């Protein structure tokens, strides 16, 4: 993967008469981890949703700048062109499918069923991999959602409060796995916990 950056320029977002933020500017580089910090309601999730193309801003631009200086520009209107995968606050899994099948839905042909199975055993008990997700605990579902985002092809990953429901030991194991699997991708995580940023070796962002 060639290095790139995402440039967020003069972005503004409102809901009716309520301004969430205005003139937001950020630069995010591939190969880096960023933790987006801020109080509840400040607009962290909104920014992630705009990057994913699930919401639109009122003004501003988002550019993906490549290592040769060329760039792709995205207007604030809804787009689905930035190749990000995501972990939402909700797990958004297919409850009747197994963890294995949930992850396979997001991977490409270069990742075999056997390979995905082996990866899942690193964070989940082997006996859980083939039974319906509906039978798993909340923390186990969270690990499936995180692994799905990491094993899917993308140039960047956004995660919204990804460690909810994980005890400290499990969180440490998951963070080690994230650091291993992000490779040269861009990783942007919304969190309230500064210790998460420290464990991830992340850049702290407080733009709001």
N, C-alpha and C. Protein backbone atom coordinates (compact mmCIF):
# COMPACT_ATOMS: atom_id res chain seq x y z
N UNK A 1 0.84 -1.19 0.00
CA UNK A 1 0.00 0.00 0.00
C UNK A 1 0.88 1.25 0.00
N UNK A 2 0.63 2.16 -0.91
CA UNK A 2 1.39 3.39 -0.98
C UNK A 2 0.93 4.36 0.12
N UNK A 3 1.86 5.11 0.71
CA UNK A 3 1.48 6.07 1.76
C UNK A 3 0.49 7.10 1.23
N UNK A 4 -0.37 7.56 2.10
CA UNK A 4 -1.34 8.59 1.74
C UNK A 4 -1.71 9.35 3.00
N UNK A 5 -2.43 10.45 2.82
CA UNK A 5 -2.98 11.18 3.96
C UNK A 5 -4.41 11.59 3.63
N UNK A 6 -5.18 11.81 4.67
CA UNK A 6 -6.53 12.35 4.53
C UNK A 6 -6.52 13.77 5.08
N UNK A 7 -6.88 14.72 4.26
CA UNK A 7 -6.93 16.12 4.67
C UNK A 7 -8.38 16.56 4.80
N UNK A 8 -8.77 16.93 6.01
CA UNK A 8 -10.12 17.43 6.30
C UNK A 8 -10.02 18.94 6.43
N UNK A 9 -10.71 19.66 5.56
CA UNK A 9 -10.51 21.11 5.46
C UNK A 9 -11.81 21.87 5.64
N UNK A 10 -11.86 22.72 6.67
CA UNK A 10 -12.96 23.65 6.90
C UNK A 10 -14.33 22.95 6.93
N UNK A 11 -14.37 21.81 7.57
CA UNK A 11 -15.60 21.02 7.61
C UNK A 11 -16.54 21.57 8.68
N UNK A 12 -17.81 21.69 8.33
CA UNK A 12 -18.84 22.18 9.26
C UNK A 12 -20.02 21.24 9.25
N UNK A 13 -20.62 21.05 10.43
CA UNK A 13 -21.75 20.14 10.55
C UNK A 13 -22.78 20.69 11.54
N UNK A 14 -24.04 20.67 11.12
CA UNK A 14 -25.14 21.13 11.96
C UNK A 14 -26.30 20.16 11.85
N UNK A 15 -27.14 20.17 12.88
CA UNK A 15 -28.43 19.49 12.85
C UNK A 15 -29.48 20.55 13.11
N UNK A 16 -30.10 21.02 12.04
CA UNK A 16 -31.05 22.12 12.20
C UNK A 16 -30.33 23.36 12.67
N UNK A 17 -30.79 23.93 13.78
CA UNK A 17 -30.18 25.15 14.33
C UNK A 17 -29.00 24.84 15.25
N UNK A 18 -28.74 23.57 15.49
CA UNK A 18 -27.66 23.18 16.39
C UNK A 18 -26.38 22.93 15.61
N UNK A 19 -25.37 23.76 15.84
CA UNK A 19 -24.07 23.57 15.20
C UNK A 19 -23.23 22.61 16.03
N UNK A 20 -22.81 21.50 15.42
CA UNK A 20 -21.98 20.52 16.11
C UNK A 20 -20.54 21.02 16.15
N UNK A 21 -20.00 21.38 15.00
CA UNK A 21 -18.72 22.05 14.92
C UNK A 21 -18.63 22.76 13.58
N UNK A 22 -17.74 23.76 13.51
CA UNK A 22 -17.54 24.51 12.27
C UNK A 22 -16.05 24.72 12.05
N UNK A 23 -15.66 24.79 10.79
CA UNK A 23 -14.26 25.01 10.40
C UNK A 23 -13.32 23.99 11.04
N UNK A 24 -13.68 22.73 10.90
CA UNK A 24 -12.86 21.64 11.44
C UNK A 24 -11.77 21.29 10.44
N UNK A 25 -10.52 21.24 10.93
CA UNK A 25 -9.37 20.94 10.07
C UNK A 25 -8.51 19.86 10.73
N UNK A 26 -8.23 18.79 9.99
CA UNK A 26 -7.39 17.70 10.49
C UNK A 26 -6.60 17.10 9.33
N UNK A 27 -5.42 16.59 9.63
CA UNK A 27 -4.67 15.81 8.66
C UNK A 27 -4.33 14.47 9.30
N UNK A 28 -4.68 13.39 8.62
CA UNK A 28 -4.47 12.03 9.12
C UNK A 28 -3.60 11.28 8.12
N UNK A 29 -2.56 10.60 8.62
CA UNK A 29 -1.60 9.93 7.74
C UNK A 29 -1.68 8.42 7.87
N UNK A 30 -1.53 7.74 6.76
CA UNK A 30 -1.52 6.28 6.78
C UNK A 30 -0.34 5.78 7.60
N UNK A 31 -0.53 4.59 8.20
CA UNK A 31 0.50 4.03 9.06
C UNK A 31 0.48 4.57 10.47
N UNK A 32 -0.47 5.47 10.75
CA UNK A 32 -0.57 6.10 12.07
C UNK A 32 -1.88 5.71 12.76
N UNK A 33 -1.85 5.73 14.09
CA UNK A 33 -3.05 5.53 14.89
C UNK A 33 -3.43 6.86 15.53
N UNK A 34 -4.69 7.22 15.43
CA UNK A 34 -5.19 8.46 16.03
C UNK A 34 -6.35 8.13 16.96
N UNK A 35 -6.33 8.74 18.15
CA UNK A 35 -7.45 8.63 19.08
C UNK A 35 -8.16 9.97 19.15
N UNK A 36 -9.41 9.96 18.77
CA UNK A 36 -10.24 11.15 18.75
C UNK A 36 -10.91 11.30 20.11
N UNK A 37 -10.53 12.34 20.84
CA UNK A 37 -11.01 12.53 22.20
C UNK A 37 -12.01 13.69 22.26
N UNK A 38 -12.87 13.63 23.25
CA UNK A 38 -13.84 14.71 23.45
C UNK A 38 -15.00 14.22 24.27
N UNK A 39 -15.74 15.16 24.85
CA UNK A 39 -16.88 14.82 25.69
C UNK A 39 -18.01 14.23 24.86
N UNK A 40 -18.93 13.53 25.51
CA UNK A 40 -20.09 12.97 24.82
C UNK A 40 -20.89 14.08 24.16
N UNK A 41 -21.27 13.85 22.90
CA UNK A 41 -22.06 14.83 22.17
C UNK A 41 -21.26 15.87 21.42
N UNK A 42 -19.92 15.77 21.45
CA UNK A 42 -19.12 16.80 20.79
C UNK A 42 -18.98 16.57 19.29
N UNK A 43 -19.37 15.39 18.81
CA UNK A 43 -19.34 15.17 17.36
C UNK A 43 -18.34 14.14 16.89
N UNK A 44 -17.80 13.32 17.79
CA UNK A 44 -16.82 12.30 17.37
C UNK A 44 -17.46 11.30 16.40
N UNK A 45 -18.60 10.74 16.80
CA UNK A 45 -19.27 9.76 15.94
C UNK A 45 -19.70 10.39 14.62
N UNK A 46 -20.15 11.63 14.67
CA UNK A 46 -20.57 12.34 13.45
C UNK A 46 -19.42 12.43 12.45
N UNK A 47 -18.23 12.77 12.94
CA UNK A 47 -17.07 12.86 12.03
C UNK A 47 -16.76 11.50 11.41
N UNK A 48 -16.81 10.44 12.22
CA UNK A 48 -16.56 9.10 11.67
C UNK A 48 -17.58 8.75 10.59
N UNK A 49 -18.83 9.09 10.84
CA UNK A 49 -19.89 8.77 9.87
C UNK A 49 -19.72 9.57 8.58
N UNK A 50 -19.21 10.79 8.67
CA UNK A 50 -18.95 11.57 7.46
C UNK A 50 -17.81 10.94 6.66
N UNK A 51 -16.76 10.50 7.35
CA UNK A 51 -15.65 9.83 6.66
C UNK A 51 -16.10 8.54 5.98
N UNK A 52 -17.08 7.87 6.58
CA UNK A 52 -17.61 6.63 6.00
C UNK A 52 -18.64 6.88 4.90
N UNK A 53 -19.04 8.13 4.72
CA UNK A 53 -20.04 8.44 3.71
C UNK A 53 -21.46 8.19 4.16
N UNK A 54 -21.69 8.09 5.47
CA UNK A 54 -23.02 7.81 6.00
C UNK A 54 -23.78 9.07 6.38
N UNK A 55 -23.07 10.20 6.48
CA UNK A 55 -23.68 11.50 6.71
C UNK A 55 -22.99 12.52 5.85
N UNK A 56 -23.59 13.69 5.75
CA UNK A 56 -22.97 14.75 4.97
C UNK A 56 -22.75 15.98 5.84
N UNK A 57 -21.72 16.74 5.50
CA UNK A 57 -21.46 18.01 6.17
C UNK A 57 -22.05 19.13 5.34
N UNK A 58 -22.14 20.31 5.95
CA UNK A 58 -22.70 21.46 5.23
C UNK A 58 -21.68 22.14 4.34
N UNK A 59 -20.41 22.09 4.75
CA UNK A 59 -19.36 22.75 3.96
C UNK A 59 -18.02 22.12 4.27
N UNK A 60 -17.06 22.41 3.41
CA UNK A 60 -15.71 21.88 3.60
C UNK A 60 -15.37 20.81 2.58
N UNK A 61 -14.16 20.29 2.69
CA UNK A 61 -13.68 19.28 1.76
C UNK A 61 -12.91 18.19 2.49
N UNK A 62 -12.91 16.99 1.91
CA UNK A 62 -12.09 15.89 2.37
C UNK A 62 -11.27 15.42 1.18
N UNK A 63 -9.95 15.34 1.37
CA UNK A 63 -9.08 14.92 0.27
C UNK A 63 -8.25 13.73 0.70
N UNK A 64 -8.11 12.79 -0.18
CA UNK A 64 -7.15 11.71 -0.01
C UNK A 64 -5.94 12.07 -0.86
N UNK A 65 -4.82 12.36 -0.22
CA UNK A 65 -3.62 12.83 -0.91
C UNK A 65 -2.63 11.67 -0.99
N UNK A 66 -2.22 11.34 -2.19
CA UNK A 66 -1.32 10.21 -2.41
C UNK A 66 0.13 10.65 -2.30
N UNK A 67 1.05 9.68 -2.23
CA UNK A 67 2.46 9.99 -1.99
C UNK A 67 3.10 10.77 -3.13
N UNK A 68 2.53 10.70 -4.34
CA UNK A 68 3.09 11.45 -5.47
C UNK A 68 2.52 12.86 -5.57
N UNK A 69 1.70 13.26 -4.60
CA UNK A 69 1.13 14.60 -4.59
C UNK A 69 -0.24 14.71 -5.24
N UNK A 70 -0.63 13.68 -5.97
CA UNK A 70 -1.98 13.69 -6.55
C UNK A 70 -3.01 13.46 -5.46
N UNK A 71 -4.24 13.82 -5.74
CA UNK A 71 -5.26 13.64 -4.70
C UNK A 71 -6.63 13.41 -5.32
N UNK A 72 -7.50 12.81 -4.50
CA UNK A 72 -8.92 12.70 -4.81
C UNK A 72 -9.66 13.59 -3.82
N UNK A 73 -10.57 14.38 -4.33
CA UNK A 73 -11.30 15.32 -3.48
C UNK A 73 -12.75 14.89 -3.35
N UNK A 74 -13.27 15.00 -2.13
CA UNK A 74 -14.65 14.63 -1.83
C UNK A 74 -15.37 15.85 -1.29
N UNK A 75 -16.49 16.18 -1.87
CA UNK A 75 -17.30 17.29 -1.37
C UNK A 75 -18.02 16.83 -0.11
N UNK A 76 -18.65 17.75 0.64
CA UNK A 76 -19.34 17.33 1.87
C UNK A 76 -20.57 16.47 1.65
N UNK A 77 -21.02 16.34 0.40
CA UNK A 77 -22.19 15.50 0.17
C UNK A 77 -21.82 14.04 0.41
N UNK A 78 -22.85 13.22 0.58
CA UNK A 78 -22.62 11.81 0.88
C UNK A 78 -21.79 11.15 -0.22
N UNK A 79 -20.77 10.45 0.20
CA UNK A 79 -19.92 9.70 -0.72
C UNK A 79 -19.68 8.32 -0.15
N UNK A 80 -19.24 7.42 -0.96
CA UNK A 80 -18.88 6.08 -0.48
C UNK A 80 -17.58 5.63 -1.14
N UNK A 81 -16.68 6.58 -1.33
CA UNK A 81 -15.47 6.29 -2.09
C UNK A 81 -14.22 6.07 -1.25
N UNK A 82 -14.20 6.57 -0.03
CA UNK A 82 -13.03 6.33 0.81
C UNK A 82 -13.08 4.89 1.30
N UNK A 83 -12.07 4.11 0.99
CA UNK A 83 -12.11 2.68 1.31
C UNK A 83 -11.78 2.38 2.77
N UNK A 84 -12.71 2.76 3.67
CA UNK A 84 -12.57 2.49 5.09
C UNK A 84 -13.44 1.31 5.50
N UNK A 85 -12.97 0.56 6.49
CA UNK A 85 -13.84 -0.37 7.20
C UNK A 85 -14.12 0.23 8.57
N UNK A 86 -15.11 -0.33 9.28
CA UNK A 86 -15.57 0.33 10.50
C UNK A 86 -15.96 -0.65 11.59
N UNK A 87 -15.77 -0.19 12.84
CA UNK A 87 -16.38 -0.80 14.01
C UNK A 87 -17.28 0.27 14.61
N UNK A 88 -18.57 0.02 14.58
CA UNK A 88 -19.54 0.98 15.11
C UNK A 88 -19.74 0.77 16.61
N UNK A 89 -20.47 1.69 17.24
CA UNK A 89 -20.79 1.51 18.65
C UNK A 89 -21.63 0.25 18.84
N UNK A 90 -22.49 -0.05 17.86
CA UNK A 90 -23.24 -1.31 17.86
C UNK A 90 -22.42 -2.32 17.04
N UNK A 91 -22.51 -3.58 17.39
CA UNK A 91 -21.67 -4.57 16.71
C UNK A 91 -22.07 -4.82 15.26
N UNK A 92 -23.36 -4.69 14.96
CA UNK A 92 -23.86 -4.84 13.59
C UNK A 92 -23.43 -6.16 12.95
N UNK A 93 -23.61 -7.22 13.68
CA UNK A 93 -23.31 -8.56 13.18
C UNK A 93 -24.59 -9.24 12.72
N UNK A 94 -24.46 -10.22 11.86
CA UNK A 94 -25.59 -11.08 11.48
C UNK A 94 -25.75 -12.12 12.59
N UNK A 95 -26.75 -11.94 13.42
CA UNK A 95 -26.88 -12.72 14.65
C UNK A 95 -27.06 -14.22 14.39
N UNK A 96 -27.66 -14.58 13.27
CA UNK A 96 -27.88 -16.00 13.00
C UNK A 96 -26.65 -16.67 12.38
N UNK A 97 -25.66 -15.87 11.97
CA UNK A 97 -24.43 -16.40 11.38
C UNK A 97 -23.40 -16.66 12.47
N UNK A 98 -22.45 -17.51 12.18
CA UNK A 98 -21.36 -17.77 13.10
C UNK A 98 -20.33 -16.63 13.04
N UNK A 99 -19.44 -16.52 14.03
CA UNK A 99 -18.34 -15.56 13.92
C UNK A 99 -17.54 -15.75 12.63
N UNK A 100 -17.27 -16.99 12.27
CA UNK A 100 -16.52 -17.26 11.04
C UNK A 100 -17.22 -16.69 9.82
N UNK A 101 -18.52 -16.95 9.68
CA UNK A 101 -19.24 -16.47 8.51
C UNK A 101 -19.42 -14.96 8.52
N UNK A 102 -19.54 -14.35 9.70
CA UNK A 102 -19.62 -12.89 9.78
C UNK A 102 -18.35 -12.25 9.23
N UNK A 103 -17.21 -12.79 9.59
CA UNK A 103 -15.94 -12.21 9.11
C UNK A 103 -15.75 -12.51 7.63
N UNK A 104 -16.08 -13.72 7.19
CA UNK A 104 -15.92 -14.08 5.78
C UNK A 104 -16.75 -13.19 4.86
N UNK A 105 -17.88 -12.68 5.34
CA UNK A 105 -18.70 -11.78 4.53
C UNK A 105 -17.93 -10.52 4.13
N UNK A 106 -16.95 -10.13 4.95
CA UNK A 106 -16.24 -8.88 4.71
C UNK A 106 -14.88 -9.05 4.05
N UNK A 107 -14.37 -10.28 4.00
CA UNK A 107 -13.04 -10.50 3.44
C UNK A 107 -13.11 -10.74 1.94
N UNK A 108 -11.96 -10.64 1.28
CA UNK A 108 -11.93 -10.92 -0.15
C UNK A 108 -11.42 -12.35 -0.39
N UNK A 109 -11.29 -12.72 -1.65
CA UNK A 109 -10.95 -14.10 -2.00
C UNK A 109 -9.53 -14.49 -1.61
N UNK A 110 -8.69 -13.50 -1.32
CA UNK A 110 -7.31 -13.82 -0.94
C UNK A 110 -7.23 -14.39 0.47
N UNK A 111 -8.30 -14.28 1.22
CA UNK A 111 -8.33 -14.75 2.60
C UNK A 111 -9.26 -15.97 2.67
N UNK A 112 -8.69 -17.16 2.87
CA UNK A 112 -9.47 -18.39 2.83
C UNK A 112 -10.23 -18.61 4.13
N UNK A 113 -11.19 -19.51 4.08
CA UNK A 113 -11.96 -19.88 5.27
C UNK A 113 -11.03 -20.41 6.37
N UNK A 114 -10.06 -21.21 5.97
CA UNK A 114 -9.11 -21.77 6.92
C UNK A 114 -8.28 -20.66 7.58
N UNK A 115 -7.86 -19.66 6.81
CA UNK A 115 -7.07 -18.57 7.36
C UNK A 115 -7.88 -17.73 8.34
N UNK A 116 -9.13 -17.43 7.97
CA UNK A 116 -9.99 -16.64 8.86
C UNK A 116 -10.24 -17.41 10.15
N UNK A 117 -10.48 -18.69 10.05
CA UNK A 117 -10.71 -19.53 11.24
C UNK A 117 -9.49 -19.44 12.18
N UNK A 118 -8.31 -19.56 11.60
CA UNK A 118 -7.09 -19.50 12.41
C UNK A 118 -6.93 -18.15 13.09
N UNK A 119 -7.27 -17.07 12.39
CA UNK A 119 -7.19 -15.74 12.99
C UNK A 119 -8.18 -15.59 14.15
N UNK A 120 -9.38 -16.09 13.97
CA UNK A 120 -10.40 -15.96 15.01
C UNK A 120 -10.00 -16.68 16.29
N UNK A 121 -9.26 -17.78 16.17
CA UNK A 121 -8.85 -18.51 17.38
C UNK A 121 -7.89 -17.70 18.24
N UNK A 122 -7.34 -16.64 17.70
CA UNK A 122 -6.41 -15.83 18.47
C UNK A 122 -7.13 -14.96 19.51
N UNK A 123 -8.40 -14.64 19.25
CA UNK A 123 -9.13 -13.78 20.17
C UNK A 123 -10.40 -14.41 20.74
N UNK A 124 -10.79 -15.56 20.21
CA UNK A 124 -12.03 -16.20 20.65
C UNK A 124 -11.81 -17.68 20.94
N UNK A 125 -12.57 -18.26 21.87
CA UNK A 125 -12.49 -19.71 22.10
C UNK A 125 -12.90 -20.47 20.83
N UNK A 126 -12.18 -21.51 20.51
CA UNK A 126 -12.45 -22.24 19.27
C UNK A 126 -13.87 -22.80 19.24
N UNK A 127 -14.40 -23.17 20.40
CA UNK A 127 -15.75 -23.76 20.42
C UNK A 127 -16.83 -22.76 20.03
N UNK A 128 -16.50 -21.46 20.02
CA UNK A 128 -17.51 -20.44 19.70
C UNK A 128 -17.56 -20.07 18.22
N UNK A 129 -16.62 -20.53 17.44
CA UNK A 129 -16.44 -19.99 16.09
C UNK A 129 -17.51 -20.41 15.10
N UNK A 130 -18.18 -21.53 15.36
CA UNK A 130 -19.15 -22.04 14.39
C UNK A 130 -20.59 -21.98 14.90
N UNK A 131 -20.81 -21.43 16.09
CA UNK A 131 -22.19 -21.32 16.57
C UNK A 131 -22.72 -19.91 16.33
N UNK A 132 -24.03 -19.71 16.34
CA UNK A 132 -24.59 -18.40 16.02
C UNK A 132 -24.06 -17.30 16.94
N UNK A 133 -23.82 -16.14 16.36
CA UNK A 133 -23.36 -14.99 17.14
C UNK A 133 -24.34 -14.65 18.26
N UNK A 134 -25.62 -14.93 18.05
CA UNK A 134 -26.64 -14.63 19.07
C UNK A 134 -26.37 -15.35 20.39
N UNK A 135 -25.57 -16.41 20.37
CA UNK A 135 -25.29 -17.17 21.59
C UNK A 135 -24.04 -16.67 22.31
N UNK A 136 -23.35 -15.68 21.75
CA UNK A 136 -22.10 -15.19 22.34
C UNK A 136 -22.36 -14.07 23.34
N UNK A 137 -21.40 -13.86 24.22
CA UNK A 137 -21.46 -12.73 25.16
C UNK A 137 -21.21 -11.42 24.42
N UNK A 138 -21.50 -10.31 25.08
CA UNK A 138 -21.27 -9.00 24.46
C UNK A 138 -19.82 -8.77 24.13
N UNK A 139 -18.92 -9.18 25.02
CA UNK A 139 -17.50 -8.99 24.76
C UNK A 139 -17.00 -9.83 23.60
N UNK A 140 -17.54 -11.03 23.45
CA UNK A 140 -17.14 -11.88 22.33
C UNK A 140 -17.65 -11.30 21.02
N UNK A 141 -18.87 -10.79 21.02
CA UNK A 141 -19.39 -10.14 19.81
C UNK A 141 -18.53 -8.95 19.42
N UNK A 142 -18.06 -8.22 20.44
CA UNK A 142 -17.22 -7.05 20.15
C UNK A 142 -15.94 -7.47 19.45
N UNK A 143 -15.36 -8.57 19.89
CA UNK A 143 -14.13 -9.05 19.27
C UNK A 143 -14.38 -9.48 17.82
N UNK A 144 -15.53 -10.07 17.55
CA UNK A 144 -15.87 -10.45 16.17
C UNK A 144 -15.96 -9.19 15.30
N UNK A 145 -16.63 -8.16 15.80
CA UNK A 145 -16.78 -6.92 15.03
C UNK A 145 -15.43 -6.28 14.74
N UNK A 146 -14.53 -6.30 15.72
CA UNK A 146 -13.20 -5.72 15.53
C UNK A 146 -12.41 -6.52 14.51
N UNK A 147 -12.45 -7.84 14.61
CA UNK A 147 -11.69 -8.68 13.68
C UNK A 147 -12.24 -8.57 12.26
N UNK A 148 -13.55 -8.42 12.13
CA UNK A 148 -14.14 -8.24 10.80
C UNK A 148 -13.58 -7.00 10.12
N UNK A 149 -13.47 -5.89 10.87
CA UNK A 149 -12.94 -4.65 10.29
C UNK A 149 -11.46 -4.78 9.95
N UNK A 150 -10.71 -5.48 10.79
CA UNK A 150 -9.27 -5.60 10.57
C UNK A 150 -8.92 -6.55 9.43
N UNK A 151 -9.71 -7.59 9.23
CA UNK A 151 -9.40 -8.59 8.21
C UNK A 151 -9.99 -8.26 6.85
N UNK A 152 -10.88 -7.28 6.79
CA UNK A 152 -11.43 -6.85 5.50
C UNK A 152 -10.42 -5.95 4.79
N UNK A 153 -10.40 -5.97 3.45
CA UNK A 153 -9.47 -5.09 2.72
C UNK A 153 -9.88 -3.63 2.84
N UNK A 154 -8.92 -2.76 3.15
CA UNK A 154 -9.21 -1.33 3.29
C UNK A 154 -7.89 -0.58 3.36
N UNK A 155 -7.97 0.74 3.17
CA UNK A 155 -6.78 1.58 3.38
C UNK A 155 -6.85 2.26 4.74
N UNK A 156 -8.00 2.19 5.39
CA UNK A 156 -8.16 2.81 6.70
C UNK A 156 -9.28 2.17 7.48
N UNK A 157 -9.22 2.32 8.80
CA UNK A 157 -10.21 1.74 9.70
C UNK A 157 -10.65 2.80 10.68
N UNK A 158 -11.95 2.94 10.89
CA UNK A 158 -12.47 3.81 11.94
C UNK A 158 -13.18 2.93 12.97
N UNK A 159 -12.98 3.25 14.24
CA UNK A 159 -13.57 2.48 15.33
C UNK A 159 -14.20 3.44 16.33
N UNK A 160 -15.46 3.19 16.66
CA UNK A 160 -16.20 4.05 17.57
C UNK A 160 -16.38 3.33 18.91
N UNK A 161 -15.62 3.77 19.92
CA UNK A 161 -15.64 3.13 21.24
C UNK A 161 -15.51 1.60 21.12
N UNK A 162 -14.42 1.13 20.51
CA UNK A 162 -14.33 -0.31 20.18
C UNK A 162 -14.14 -1.23 21.38
N UNK A 163 -13.72 -0.69 22.53
CA UNK A 163 -13.37 -1.56 23.65
C UNK A 163 -14.49 -1.68 24.69
N UNK A 164 -15.67 -1.20 24.35
CA UNK A 164 -16.82 -1.32 25.24
C UNK A 164 -17.11 -2.79 25.53
N UNK A 165 -17.26 -3.12 26.81
CA UNK A 165 -17.61 -4.49 27.18
C UNK A 165 -16.43 -5.44 27.32
N UNK A 166 -15.20 -4.93 27.14
CA UNK A 166 -14.02 -5.78 27.27
C UNK A 166 -13.34 -5.54 28.62
N UNK A 167 -12.98 -6.61 29.33
CA UNK A 167 -12.22 -6.44 30.56
C UNK A 167 -10.79 -6.05 30.21
N UNK A 168 -10.02 -5.66 31.21
CA UNK A 168 -8.69 -5.09 30.96
C UNK A 168 -7.76 -6.08 30.27
N UNK A 169 -7.80 -7.34 30.67
CA UNK A 169 -6.92 -8.34 30.05
C UNK A 169 -7.29 -8.57 28.58
N UNK A 170 -8.60 -8.69 28.33
CA UNK A 170 -9.06 -8.90 26.95
C UNK A 170 -8.75 -7.68 26.10
N UNK A 171 -8.96 -6.50 26.67
CA UNK A 171 -8.66 -5.27 25.92
C UNK A 171 -7.19 -5.21 25.53
N UNK A 172 -6.31 -5.58 26.45
CA UNK A 172 -4.88 -5.60 26.13
C UNK A 172 -4.56 -6.54 24.99
N UNK A 173 -5.20 -7.71 24.99
CA UNK A 173 -4.99 -8.69 23.93
C UNK A 173 -5.51 -8.15 22.59
N UNK A 174 -6.67 -7.50 22.63
CA UNK A 174 -7.26 -6.94 21.41
C UNK A 174 -6.40 -5.80 20.86
N UNK A 175 -5.90 -4.94 21.74
CA UNK A 175 -5.06 -3.83 21.30
C UNK A 175 -3.78 -4.35 20.64
N UNK A 176 -3.19 -5.40 21.21
CA UNK A 176 -1.99 -5.99 20.58
C UNK A 176 -2.31 -6.52 19.19
N UNK A 177 -3.49 -7.12 19.04
CA UNK A 177 -3.91 -7.65 17.74
C UNK A 177 -4.14 -6.51 16.74
N UNK A 178 -4.76 -5.43 17.20
CA UNK A 178 -4.99 -4.27 16.33
C UNK A 178 -3.66 -3.71 15.83
N UNK A 179 -2.70 -3.54 16.72
CA UNK A 179 -1.40 -2.99 16.34
C UNK A 179 -0.70 -3.87 15.30
N UNK A 180 -0.87 -5.17 15.44
CA UNK A 180 -0.26 -6.11 14.49
C UNK A 180 -0.93 -6.04 13.12
N UNK A 181 -2.26 -5.94 13.11
CA UNK A 181 -3.01 -6.09 11.87
C UNK A 181 -3.26 -4.78 11.11
N UNK A 182 -3.02 -3.65 11.73
CA UNK A 182 -3.30 -2.40 11.00
C UNK A 182 -2.32 -2.17 9.86
N UNK A 183 -1.08 -2.73 9.99
CA UNK A 183 -0.06 -2.64 8.94
C UNK A 183 0.15 -1.17 8.57
N UNK A 184 0.04 -0.81 7.29
CA UNK A 184 0.28 0.57 6.88
C UNK A 184 -1.02 1.36 6.70
N UNK A 185 -2.08 0.83 7.25
CA UNK A 185 -3.36 1.53 7.14
C UNK A 185 -3.46 2.68 8.13
N UNK A 186 -4.44 3.53 7.92
CA UNK A 186 -4.76 4.62 8.84
C UNK A 186 -5.80 4.10 9.82
N UNK A 187 -5.60 4.36 11.11
CA UNK A 187 -6.55 3.91 12.12
C UNK A 187 -7.00 5.10 12.95
N UNK A 188 -8.31 5.35 12.97
CA UNK A 188 -8.91 6.45 13.72
C UNK A 188 -9.92 5.88 14.70
N UNK A 189 -9.69 6.11 15.99
CA UNK A 189 -10.52 5.54 17.04
C UNK A 189 -11.12 6.66 17.88
N UNK A 190 -12.43 6.64 18.07
CA UNK A 190 -13.10 7.55 19.00
C UNK A 190 -13.17 6.88 20.36
N UNK A 191 -12.68 7.57 21.39
CA UNK A 191 -12.66 6.98 22.72
C UNK A 191 -12.71 8.07 23.78
N UNK A 192 -13.10 7.71 24.99
CA UNK A 192 -13.06 8.62 26.13
C UNK A 192 -11.84 8.36 27.01
N UNK A 193 -11.10 7.29 26.73
CA UNK A 193 -10.06 6.84 27.64
C UNK A 193 -8.65 7.16 27.11
N UNK A 194 -7.93 8.01 27.82
CA UNK A 194 -6.58 8.34 27.38
C UNK A 194 -5.64 7.14 27.47
N UNK A 195 -5.93 6.20 28.40
CA UNK A 195 -5.06 5.03 28.50
C UNK A 195 -5.15 4.15 27.25
N UNK A 196 -6.31 4.20 26.56
CA UNK A 196 -6.42 3.47 25.29
C UNK A 196 -5.41 4.02 24.29
N UNK A 197 -5.32 5.34 24.23
CA UNK A 197 -4.38 5.97 23.30
C UNK A 197 -2.94 5.60 23.64
N UNK A 198 -2.64 5.56 24.94
CA UNK A 198 -1.28 5.22 25.36
C UNK A 198 -0.93 3.79 24.97
N UNK A 199 -1.85 2.85 25.21
CA UNK A 199 -1.59 1.45 24.86
C UNK A 199 -1.46 1.25 23.36
N UNK A 200 -2.20 2.04 22.59
CA UNK A 200 -2.17 1.92 21.13
C UNK A 200 -0.97 2.65 20.52
N UNK A 201 -0.28 3.46 21.31
CA UNK A 201 0.78 4.30 20.76
C UNK A 201 0.22 5.33 19.80
N UNK A 202 -0.94 5.88 20.15
CA UNK A 202 -1.71 6.73 19.24
C UNK A 202 -1.40 8.21 19.40
N UNK A 203 -1.69 8.95 18.35
CA UNK A 203 -1.69 10.40 18.40
C UNK A 203 -3.03 10.86 18.96
N UNK A 204 -3.00 11.74 19.96
CA UNK A 204 -4.23 12.27 20.55
C UNK A 204 -4.76 13.42 19.72
N UNK A 205 -6.06 13.38 19.42
CA UNK A 205 -6.72 14.47 18.69
C UNK A 205 -7.86 15.01 19.55
N UNK A 206 -7.84 16.32 19.79
CA UNK A 206 -8.94 16.99 20.50
C UNK A 206 -9.36 18.20 19.67
N UNK A 207 -10.03 17.97 18.54
CA UNK A 207 -10.28 19.07 17.61
C UNK A 207 -11.55 19.87 17.89
N UNK A 208 -12.38 19.41 18.85
CA UNK A 208 -13.69 20.03 19.01
C UNK A 208 -13.70 21.07 20.12
